[in-house]
Amino acid sequence: MTRKYADCRETPSVSGCTLAMSGEEEELVRAAVQHAVDVHEHTDDEELREGVRQGLKDAPVADTTPGAFVQLIEFHTDRIDEVERMAREWADAIGADRTARWALVGADRDRPGTYMEIVEFPDYPAGMENSAHPATAEFAEKVRAVCTDEPRFVNLEVRSTTDFSA
């Protein structure tokens, strides 16, 4: 069964609630209704339950939804430990200005010294905001200095995700 999710950030709210929850549909309706009553002071009735049920969405795979922006970066280096250290330093330097939501670095098993980084952003403008930040520019220059050639960037807009675990 497909997991569903509810996210208070997607519903106009005076309280500015940021709670998000997921689960199977019936348990999620029960929990979301209880939350709406306890926190948002709604009345538990059939109208609320139906509204909650109608607002449920399929849970995203890897927290990535259509419209998100993913950047693939292929690079070659024999100094991967330095790249990983620099990435941690970049995360500290950019701090709360970071718009990247998650990243994955993988080593190409068939081409030693070749790595692929996948970075996900909420959308393209957020990715470009991240790229334009001075901390990112400094990080990119440091990475280029330890690479054997110029990194290759592929910019992707997420069209769909599929959960194969079910």
N, C-alpha and C. Protein backbone atom coordinates (compact mmCIF):
# COMPACT_ATOMS: atom_id res chain seq x y z
N MET A 1 0.84 -1.18 0.00
CA MET A 1 0.00 0.00 0.00
C MET A 1 0.89 1.24 0.00
N THR A 2 0.55 2.24 -0.81
CA THR A 2 1.31 3.47 -0.89
C THR A 2 1.14 4.28 0.38
N ARG A 3 2.26 4.71 0.94
CA ARG A 3 2.20 5.59 2.12
C ARG A 3 1.67 6.94 1.69
N LYS A 4 0.97 7.58 2.57
CA LYS A 4 0.43 8.92 2.34
C LYS A 4 1.13 9.88 3.29
N TYR A 5 1.05 11.17 2.97
CA TYR A 5 1.58 12.16 3.90
C TYR A 5 0.66 13.36 3.97
N ALA A 6 0.76 14.06 5.09
CA ALA A 6 0.06 15.32 5.32
C ALA A 6 1.10 16.30 5.84
N ASP A 7 1.03 17.53 5.40
CA ASP A 7 2.02 18.52 5.77
C ASP A 7 1.31 19.84 6.07
N CYS A 8 1.37 20.28 7.30
CA CYS A 8 0.70 21.53 7.70
C CYS A 8 1.22 22.73 6.93
N ARG A 9 2.45 22.67 6.42
CA ARG A 9 3.00 23.80 5.66
C ARG A 9 2.26 24.01 4.34
N GLU A 10 1.53 23.00 3.88
CA GLU A 10 0.82 23.11 2.61
C GLU A 10 -0.62 23.58 2.78
N THR A 11 -0.99 23.91 4.02
CA THR A 11 -2.34 24.37 4.32
C THR A 11 -2.24 25.74 4.98
N PRO A 12 -3.00 26.71 4.50
CA PRO A 12 -2.94 28.03 5.15
C PRO A 12 -3.22 27.90 6.65
N SER A 13 -2.39 28.54 7.46
CA SER A 13 -2.50 28.40 8.90
C SER A 13 -2.03 29.68 9.58
N VAL A 14 -2.80 30.14 10.53
CA VAL A 14 -2.42 31.30 11.31
C VAL A 14 -1.24 30.97 12.21
N SER A 15 -1.18 29.73 12.69
CA SER A 15 -0.15 29.33 13.65
C SER A 15 1.22 29.11 13.02
N GLY A 16 1.28 28.95 11.69
CA GLY A 16 2.57 28.69 11.04
C GLY A 16 3.12 27.31 11.35
N CYS A 17 2.24 26.36 11.62
CA CYS A 17 2.65 25.00 11.99
C CYS A 17 3.46 24.37 10.86
N THR A 18 4.51 23.63 11.23
CA THR A 18 5.39 22.99 10.25
C THR A 18 5.37 21.47 10.33
N LEU A 19 4.42 20.90 11.06
CA LEU A 19 4.38 19.45 11.24
C LEU A 19 4.07 18.74 9.92
N ALA A 20 4.80 17.67 9.64
CA ALA A 20 4.52 16.78 8.52
C ALA A 20 4.50 15.37 9.08
N MET A 21 3.61 14.53 8.56
CA MET A 21 3.51 13.15 9.03
C MET A 21 3.14 12.25 7.87
N SER A 22 3.48 10.96 8.01
CA SER A 22 3.14 10.02 6.95
C SER A 22 2.76 8.68 7.55
N GLY A 23 2.06 7.89 6.77
CA GLY A 23 1.65 6.56 7.20
C GLY A 23 0.61 6.02 6.24
N GLU A 24 0.03 4.88 6.60
CA GLU A 24 -1.06 4.35 5.79
C GLU A 24 -2.28 5.22 6.00
N GLU A 25 -3.14 5.28 5.00
CA GLU A 25 -4.20 6.29 4.95
C GLU A 25 -5.05 6.38 6.23
N GLU A 26 -5.59 5.29 6.71
CA GLU A 26 -6.50 5.37 7.86
C GLU A 26 -5.80 5.83 9.14
N GLU A 27 -4.59 5.31 9.40
CA GLU A 27 -3.88 5.76 10.59
C GLU A 27 -3.48 7.22 10.48
N LEU A 28 -3.15 7.65 9.27
CA LEU A 28 -2.75 9.04 9.06
C LEU A 28 -3.95 9.98 9.23
N VAL A 29 -5.12 9.59 8.73
CA VAL A 29 -6.32 10.43 8.92
C VAL A 29 -6.58 10.59 10.41
N ARG A 30 -6.52 9.50 11.17
CA ARG A 30 -6.75 9.59 12.63
C ARG A 30 -5.75 10.54 13.29
N ALA A 31 -4.47 10.39 12.96
CA ALA A 31 -3.44 11.22 13.59
C ALA A 31 -3.57 12.68 13.16
N ALA A 32 -3.83 12.92 11.88
CA ALA A 32 -3.94 14.30 11.38
C ALA A 32 -5.16 15.00 11.97
N VAL A 33 -6.26 14.28 12.11
CA VAL A 33 -7.46 14.87 12.72
C VAL A 33 -7.18 15.21 14.17
N GLN A 34 -6.55 14.30 14.90
CA GLN A 34 -6.21 14.57 16.30
C GLN A 34 -5.33 15.81 16.40
N HIS A 35 -4.34 15.92 15.51
CA HIS A 35 -3.46 17.09 15.50
C HIS A 35 -4.26 18.36 15.19
N ALA A 36 -5.14 18.30 14.20
CA ALA A 36 -5.94 19.47 13.82
C ALA A 36 -6.81 19.95 14.97
N VAL A 37 -7.33 19.02 15.75
CA VAL A 37 -8.17 19.36 16.91
C VAL A 37 -7.30 19.94 18.03
N ASP A 38 -6.22 19.24 18.37
CA ASP A 38 -5.38 19.64 19.50
C ASP A 38 -4.61 20.94 19.25
N VAL A 39 -4.06 21.11 18.06
CA VAL A 39 -3.17 22.24 17.79
C VAL A 39 -3.89 23.38 17.07
N HIS A 40 -4.72 23.03 16.10
CA HIS A 40 -5.35 24.06 15.27
C HIS A 40 -6.77 24.41 15.71
N GLU A 41 -7.23 23.74 16.79
CA GLU A 41 -8.53 24.02 17.40
C GLU A 41 -9.71 23.81 16.45
N HIS A 42 -9.60 22.82 15.54
CA HIS A 42 -10.72 22.43 14.68
C HIS A 42 -11.65 21.52 15.46
N THR A 43 -12.85 21.36 14.95
CA THR A 43 -13.82 20.45 15.55
C THR A 43 -13.74 19.11 14.83
N ASP A 44 -13.67 18.03 15.60
CA ASP A 44 -13.62 16.69 15.02
C ASP A 44 -15.00 16.31 14.53
N ASP A 45 -15.18 16.42 13.23
CA ASP A 45 -16.45 16.02 12.62
C ASP A 45 -16.17 15.42 11.24
N GLU A 46 -17.20 14.97 10.58
CA GLU A 46 -17.03 14.30 9.28
C GLU A 46 -16.44 15.25 8.23
N GLU A 47 -16.79 16.53 8.31
CA GLU A 47 -16.25 17.51 7.36
C GLU A 47 -14.73 17.62 7.50
N LEU A 48 -14.24 17.68 8.74
CA LEU A 48 -12.79 17.74 8.97
C LEU A 48 -12.12 16.46 8.47
N ARG A 49 -12.70 15.31 8.81
CA ARG A 49 -12.11 14.04 8.38
C ARG A 49 -12.04 13.94 6.85
N GLU A 50 -13.09 14.36 6.19
CA GLU A 50 -13.10 14.30 4.72
C GLU A 50 -12.10 15.30 4.14
N GLY A 51 -11.99 16.47 4.74
CA GLY A 51 -11.01 17.46 4.28
C GLY A 51 -9.59 16.95 4.43
N VAL A 52 -9.31 16.31 5.57
CA VAL A 52 -7.98 15.73 5.79
C VAL A 52 -7.72 14.65 4.76
N ARG A 53 -8.71 13.77 4.57
CA ARG A 53 -8.55 12.66 3.61
C ARG A 53 -8.28 13.20 2.20
N GLN A 54 -8.99 14.24 1.81
CA GLN A 54 -8.81 14.81 0.47
C GLN A 54 -7.44 15.49 0.31
N GLY A 55 -6.88 15.96 1.43
CA GLY A 55 -5.60 16.65 1.38
C GLY A 55 -4.39 15.73 1.41
N LEU A 56 -4.59 14.44 1.64
CA LEU A 56 -3.47 13.51 1.68
C LEU A 56 -2.84 13.35 0.31
N LYS A 57 -1.54 13.16 0.29
CA LYS A 57 -0.80 12.95 -0.95
C LYS A 57 0.03 11.69 -0.80
N ASP A 58 0.40 11.11 -1.93
CA ASP A 58 1.32 9.97 -1.87
C ASP A 58 2.65 10.45 -1.30
N ALA A 59 3.21 9.68 -0.39
CA ALA A 59 4.50 10.05 0.22
C ALA A 59 5.58 10.05 -0.85
N PRO A 60 6.41 11.08 -0.88
CA PRO A 60 7.46 11.14 -1.90
C PRO A 60 8.55 10.11 -1.64
N VAL A 61 9.19 9.68 -2.71
CA VAL A 61 10.32 8.78 -2.62
C VAL A 61 11.55 9.63 -2.30
N ALA A 62 12.33 9.22 -1.32
CA ALA A 62 13.55 9.94 -0.93
C ALA A 62 13.26 11.40 -0.65
N ASP A 63 12.02 11.69 -0.26
CA ASP A 63 11.65 13.05 0.06
C ASP A 63 11.75 13.99 -1.14
N THR A 64 11.86 13.45 -2.33
CA THR A 64 11.97 14.25 -3.55
C THR A 64 10.65 14.19 -4.29
N THR A 65 10.16 15.34 -4.71
CA THR A 65 8.87 15.41 -5.38
C THR A 65 9.04 16.02 -6.76
N PRO A 66 8.08 15.76 -7.67
CA PRO A 66 8.15 16.41 -8.98
C PRO A 66 8.28 17.93 -8.82
N GLY A 67 9.12 18.51 -9.66
CA GLY A 67 9.40 19.94 -9.59
C GLY A 67 10.69 20.24 -8.83
N ALA A 68 11.19 19.26 -8.08
CA ALA A 68 12.47 19.45 -7.40
C ALA A 68 13.57 19.55 -8.46
N PHE A 69 14.71 20.06 -8.07
CA PHE A 69 15.85 20.22 -8.96
C PHE A 69 16.98 19.35 -8.43
N VAL A 70 17.56 18.53 -9.30
CA VAL A 70 18.67 17.65 -8.92
C VAL A 70 19.85 17.98 -9.81
N GLN A 71 20.98 18.14 -9.19
CA GLN A 71 22.21 18.40 -9.93
C GLN A 71 23.13 17.20 -9.78
N LEU A 72 23.59 16.67 -10.91
CA LEU A 72 24.56 15.59 -10.92
C LEU A 72 25.91 16.21 -11.27
N ILE A 73 26.92 15.85 -10.49
CA ILE A 73 28.25 16.41 -10.71
C ILE A 73 29.22 15.24 -10.79
N GLU A 74 29.80 15.06 -11.97
CA GLU A 74 30.81 14.01 -12.16
C GLU A 74 32.18 14.67 -12.06
N PHE A 75 33.05 14.07 -11.25
CA PHE A 75 34.39 14.64 -11.12
C PHE A 75 35.40 13.51 -10.95
N HIS A 76 36.66 13.85 -11.25
CA HIS A 76 37.76 12.88 -11.18
C HIS A 76 38.83 13.42 -10.24
N THR A 77 39.22 12.59 -9.29
CA THR A 77 40.25 12.99 -8.33
C THR A 77 40.88 11.76 -7.70
N ASP A 78 42.10 11.91 -7.25
CA ASP A 78 42.73 10.87 -6.43
C ASP A 78 42.83 11.37 -4.99
N ARG A 79 42.07 12.44 -4.69
CA ARG A 79 42.09 13.06 -3.36
C ARG A 79 40.66 13.18 -2.80
N ILE A 80 39.89 12.10 -2.87
CA ILE A 80 38.49 12.14 -2.46
C ILE A 80 38.33 12.50 -0.98
N ASP A 81 39.25 12.08 -0.14
CA ASP A 81 39.14 12.44 1.28
C ASP A 81 39.17 13.96 1.47
N GLU A 82 39.98 14.64 0.67
CA GLU A 82 40.03 16.11 0.74
C GLU A 82 38.71 16.72 0.25
N VAL A 83 38.16 16.16 -0.81
CA VAL A 83 36.88 16.66 -1.33
C VAL A 83 35.80 16.52 -0.26
N GLU A 84 35.75 15.37 0.40
CA GLU A 84 34.75 15.15 1.45
C GLU A 84 34.96 16.09 2.63
N ARG A 85 36.20 16.35 2.99
CA ARG A 85 36.49 17.31 4.07
C ARG A 85 36.03 18.71 3.65
N MET A 86 36.33 19.09 2.40
CA MET A 86 35.92 20.41 1.92
C MET A 86 34.40 20.54 1.89
N ALA A 87 33.70 19.46 1.58
CA ALA A 87 32.24 19.50 1.57
C ALA A 87 31.69 19.77 2.97
N ARG A 88 32.30 19.15 3.98
CA ARG A 88 31.87 19.42 5.36
C ARG A 88 32.16 20.87 5.74
N GLU A 89 33.31 21.38 5.33
CA GLU A 89 33.65 22.78 5.60
C GLU A 89 32.68 23.72 4.89
N TRP A 90 32.30 23.38 3.64
CA TRP A 90 31.33 24.19 2.91
C TRP A 90 30.00 24.22 3.66
N ALA A 91 29.53 23.07 4.14
CA ALA A 91 28.25 23.02 4.86
C ALA A 91 28.30 23.92 6.09
N ASP A 92 29.41 23.92 6.80
CA ASP A 92 29.55 24.81 7.95
C ASP A 92 29.57 26.28 7.52
N ALA A 93 30.30 26.57 6.44
CA ALA A 93 30.45 27.95 5.99
C ALA A 93 29.14 28.54 5.47
N ILE A 94 28.36 27.76 4.75
CA ILE A 94 27.12 28.31 4.17
C ILE A 94 26.01 28.34 5.21
N GLY A 95 26.05 27.44 6.18
CA GLY A 95 25.12 27.45 7.30
C GLY A 95 23.66 27.47 6.87
N ALA A 96 22.89 28.37 7.46
CA ALA A 96 21.45 28.45 7.23
C ALA A 96 21.10 28.93 5.82
N ASP A 97 22.06 29.45 5.08
CA ASP A 97 21.81 29.89 3.70
C ASP A 97 21.77 28.71 2.72
N ARG A 98 22.13 27.53 3.17
CA ARG A 98 22.16 26.34 2.31
C ARG A 98 20.74 26.01 1.84
N THR A 99 20.56 25.85 0.54
CA THR A 99 19.26 25.45 0.00
C THR A 99 19.26 23.98 -0.43
N ALA A 100 20.42 23.34 -0.46
CA ALA A 100 20.48 21.91 -0.78
C ALA A 100 19.79 21.14 0.34
N ARG A 101 18.97 20.15 -0.03
CA ARG A 101 18.28 19.36 0.98
C ARG A 101 19.04 18.08 1.33
N TRP A 102 19.68 17.46 0.35
CA TRP A 102 20.48 16.27 0.61
C TRP A 102 21.46 16.07 -0.54
N ALA A 103 22.48 15.27 -0.26
CA ALA A 103 23.48 14.96 -1.28
C ALA A 103 23.96 13.54 -1.08
N LEU A 104 24.42 12.95 -2.15
CA LEU A 104 24.98 11.60 -2.15
C LEU A 104 26.23 11.63 -3.00
N VAL A 105 27.30 11.05 -2.53
CA VAL A 105 28.53 10.92 -3.32
C VAL A 105 28.78 9.44 -3.51
N GLY A 106 28.98 9.05 -4.77
CA GLY A 106 29.26 7.65 -5.07
C GLY A 106 30.54 7.53 -5.88
N ALA A 107 31.26 6.43 -5.64
CA ALA A 107 32.47 6.13 -6.40
C ALA A 107 32.10 5.20 -7.54
N ASP A 108 32.55 5.52 -8.74
CA ASP A 108 32.29 4.68 -9.92
C ASP A 108 33.15 3.42 -9.79
N ARG A 109 32.49 2.28 -9.65
CA ARG A 109 33.22 1.01 -9.46
C ARG A 109 33.99 0.59 -10.70
N ASP A 110 33.60 1.09 -11.87
CA ASP A 110 34.24 0.69 -13.12
C ASP A 110 35.32 1.66 -13.58
N ARG A 111 35.37 2.84 -12.97
CA ARG A 111 36.35 3.85 -13.38
C ARG A 111 36.99 4.44 -12.12
N PRO A 112 38.08 3.85 -11.65
CA PRO A 112 38.72 4.35 -10.44
C PRO A 112 39.03 5.85 -10.54
N GLY A 113 38.82 6.55 -9.43
CA GLY A 113 39.08 7.99 -9.41
C GLY A 113 37.94 8.82 -9.96
N THR A 114 36.83 8.17 -10.35
CA THR A 114 35.67 8.88 -10.87
C THR A 114 34.56 8.84 -9.82
N TYR A 115 33.97 10.00 -9.56
CA TYR A 115 32.93 10.13 -8.54
C TYR A 115 31.74 10.88 -9.12
N MET A 116 30.59 10.59 -8.57
CA MET A 116 29.36 11.27 -8.97
C MET A 116 28.70 11.78 -7.70
N GLU A 117 28.40 13.06 -7.67
CA GLU A 117 27.65 13.63 -6.56
C GLU A 117 26.27 13.99 -7.07
N ILE A 118 25.26 13.67 -6.28
CA ILE A 118 23.88 14.00 -6.60
C ILE A 118 23.40 14.92 -5.49
N VAL A 119 22.95 16.12 -5.84
CA VAL A 119 22.50 17.10 -4.87
C VAL A 119 21.06 17.49 -5.21
N GLU A 120 20.18 17.49 -4.20
CA GLU A 120 18.77 17.79 -4.44
C GLU A 120 18.40 19.11 -3.79
N PHE A 121 17.60 19.90 -4.52
CA PHE A 121 17.09 21.19 -4.07
C PHE A 121 15.57 21.20 -4.24
N PRO A 122 14.87 22.06 -3.50
CA PRO A 122 13.41 22.11 -3.64
C PRO A 122 12.97 22.44 -5.07
N ASP A 123 13.74 23.30 -5.75
CA ASP A 123 13.40 23.70 -7.12
C ASP A 123 14.63 24.35 -7.76
N TYR A 124 14.52 24.69 -9.05
CA TYR A 124 15.65 25.26 -9.79
C TYR A 124 16.14 26.58 -9.18
N PRO A 125 15.22 27.53 -8.86
CA PRO A 125 15.71 28.78 -8.27
C PRO A 125 16.52 28.56 -6.98
N ALA A 126 16.10 27.60 -6.16
CA ALA A 126 16.85 27.31 -4.93
C ALA A 126 18.24 26.77 -5.27
N GLY A 127 18.33 25.95 -6.31
CA GLY A 127 19.63 25.44 -6.73
C GLY A 127 20.54 26.55 -7.22
N MET A 128 19.97 27.49 -7.97
CA MET A 128 20.78 28.60 -8.49
C MET A 128 21.19 29.56 -7.36
N GLU A 129 20.31 29.73 -6.38
CA GLU A 129 20.65 30.55 -5.21
C GLU A 129 21.83 29.93 -4.46
N ASN A 130 21.80 28.61 -4.31
CA ASN A 130 22.90 27.90 -3.66
C ASN A 130 24.19 28.07 -4.46
N SER A 131 24.10 27.93 -5.78
CA SER A 131 25.29 28.03 -6.63
C SER A 131 25.90 29.43 -6.59
N ALA A 132 25.06 30.46 -6.43
CA ALA A 132 25.54 31.84 -6.44
C ALA A 132 26.13 32.27 -5.10
N HIS A 133 25.97 31.48 -4.07
CA HIS A 133 26.45 31.87 -2.74
C HIS A 133 27.99 31.88 -2.73
N PRO A 134 28.60 32.88 -2.10
CA PRO A 134 30.07 32.94 -2.05
C PRO A 134 30.73 31.69 -1.46
N ALA A 135 30.11 31.06 -0.47
CA ALA A 135 30.69 29.85 0.11
C ALA A 135 30.73 28.72 -0.91
N THR A 136 29.71 28.66 -1.78
CA THR A 136 29.68 27.62 -2.82
C THR A 136 30.75 27.90 -3.88
N ALA A 137 30.90 29.16 -4.26
CA ALA A 137 31.93 29.52 -5.24
C ALA A 137 33.32 29.17 -4.72
N GLU A 138 33.57 29.44 -3.45
CA GLU A 138 34.87 29.12 -2.85
C GLU A 138 35.08 27.60 -2.81
N PHE A 139 34.04 26.87 -2.43
CA PHE A 139 34.10 25.41 -2.41
C PHE A 139 34.40 24.85 -3.80
N ALA A 140 33.70 25.37 -4.82
CA ALA A 140 33.90 24.88 -6.19
C ALA A 140 35.35 25.08 -6.65
N GLU A 141 35.94 26.22 -6.31
CA GLU A 141 37.33 26.47 -6.70
C GLU A 141 38.28 25.51 -6.00
N LYS A 142 38.03 25.24 -4.73
CA LYS A 142 38.88 24.30 -3.99
C LYS A 142 38.77 22.88 -4.58
N VAL A 143 37.55 22.49 -4.94
CA VAL A 143 37.36 21.16 -5.52
C VAL A 143 38.06 21.07 -6.87
N ARG A 144 37.91 22.09 -7.70
CA ARG A 144 38.59 22.09 -9.01
C ARG A 144 40.10 21.90 -8.85
N ALA A 145 40.67 22.46 -7.79
CA ALA A 145 42.11 22.38 -7.58
C ALA A 145 42.58 20.96 -7.29
N VAL A 146 41.70 20.08 -6.78
CA VAL A 146 42.10 18.71 -6.48
C VAL A 146 41.56 17.71 -7.50
N CYS A 147 40.89 18.21 -8.53
CA CYS A 147 40.38 17.34 -9.60
C CYS A 147 41.38 17.28 -10.75
N THR A 148 41.35 16.16 -11.47
CA THR A 148 42.28 16.00 -12.59
C THR A 148 41.76 16.65 -13.86
N ASP A 149 40.47 17.01 -13.89
CA ASP A 149 39.90 17.76 -15.01
C ASP A 149 38.66 18.50 -14.51
N GLU A 150 38.02 19.22 -15.39
CA GLU A 150 36.86 20.04 -15.01
C GLU A 150 35.66 19.15 -14.67
N PRO A 151 35.01 19.39 -13.52
CA PRO A 151 33.79 18.62 -13.21
C PRO A 151 32.72 18.84 -14.28
N ARG A 152 31.88 17.83 -14.48
CA ARG A 152 30.78 17.90 -15.45
C ARG A 152 29.47 17.99 -14.66
N PHE A 153 28.63 18.98 -15.02
CA PHE A 153 27.37 19.21 -14.33
C PHE A 153 26.20 18.83 -15.25
N VAL A 154 25.22 18.15 -14.68
CA VAL A 154 23.97 17.83 -15.38
C VAL A 154 22.85 18.35 -14.48
N ASN A 155 22.00 19.22 -15.04
CA ASN A 155 20.92 19.83 -14.28
C ASN A 155 19.59 19.20 -14.66
N LEU A 156 18.91 18.64 -13.67
CA LEU A 156 17.68 17.88 -13.93
C LEU A 156 16.51 18.42 -13.14
N GLU A 157 15.37 18.56 -13.79
CA GLU A 157 14.12 18.82 -13.09
C GLU A 157 13.44 17.48 -12.86
N VAL A 158 13.08 17.20 -11.63
CA VAL A 158 12.44 15.92 -11.30
C VAL A 158 11.04 15.90 -11.90
N ARG A 159 10.77 14.89 -12.71
CA ARG A 159 9.44 14.72 -13.31
C ARG A 159 8.59 13.75 -12.50
N SER A 160 9.22 12.70 -11.99
CA SER A 160 8.47 11.72 -11.21
C SER A 160 9.44 10.90 -10.37
N THR A 161 8.92 10.25 -9.35
CA THR A 161 9.69 9.31 -8.54
C THR A 161 8.87 8.03 -8.41
N THR A 162 9.54 6.92 -8.23
CA THR A 162 8.88 5.62 -8.11
C THR A 162 9.47 4.90 -6.91
N ASP A 163 8.60 4.35 -6.07
CA ASP A 163 9.04 3.58 -4.92
C ASP A 163 8.94 2.09 -5.29
N PHE A 164 10.08 1.43 -5.42
CA PHE A 164 10.11 0.01 -5.80
C PHE A 164 10.14 -0.91 -4.58
N SER A 165 10.06 -0.36 -3.37
CA SER A 165 10.18 -1.18 -2.18
C SER A 165 8.89 -1.94 -1.84
N ALA A 166 7.77 -1.53 -2.39
CA ALA A 166 6.49 -2.17 -2.02
C ALA A 166 6.35 -3.54 -2.64
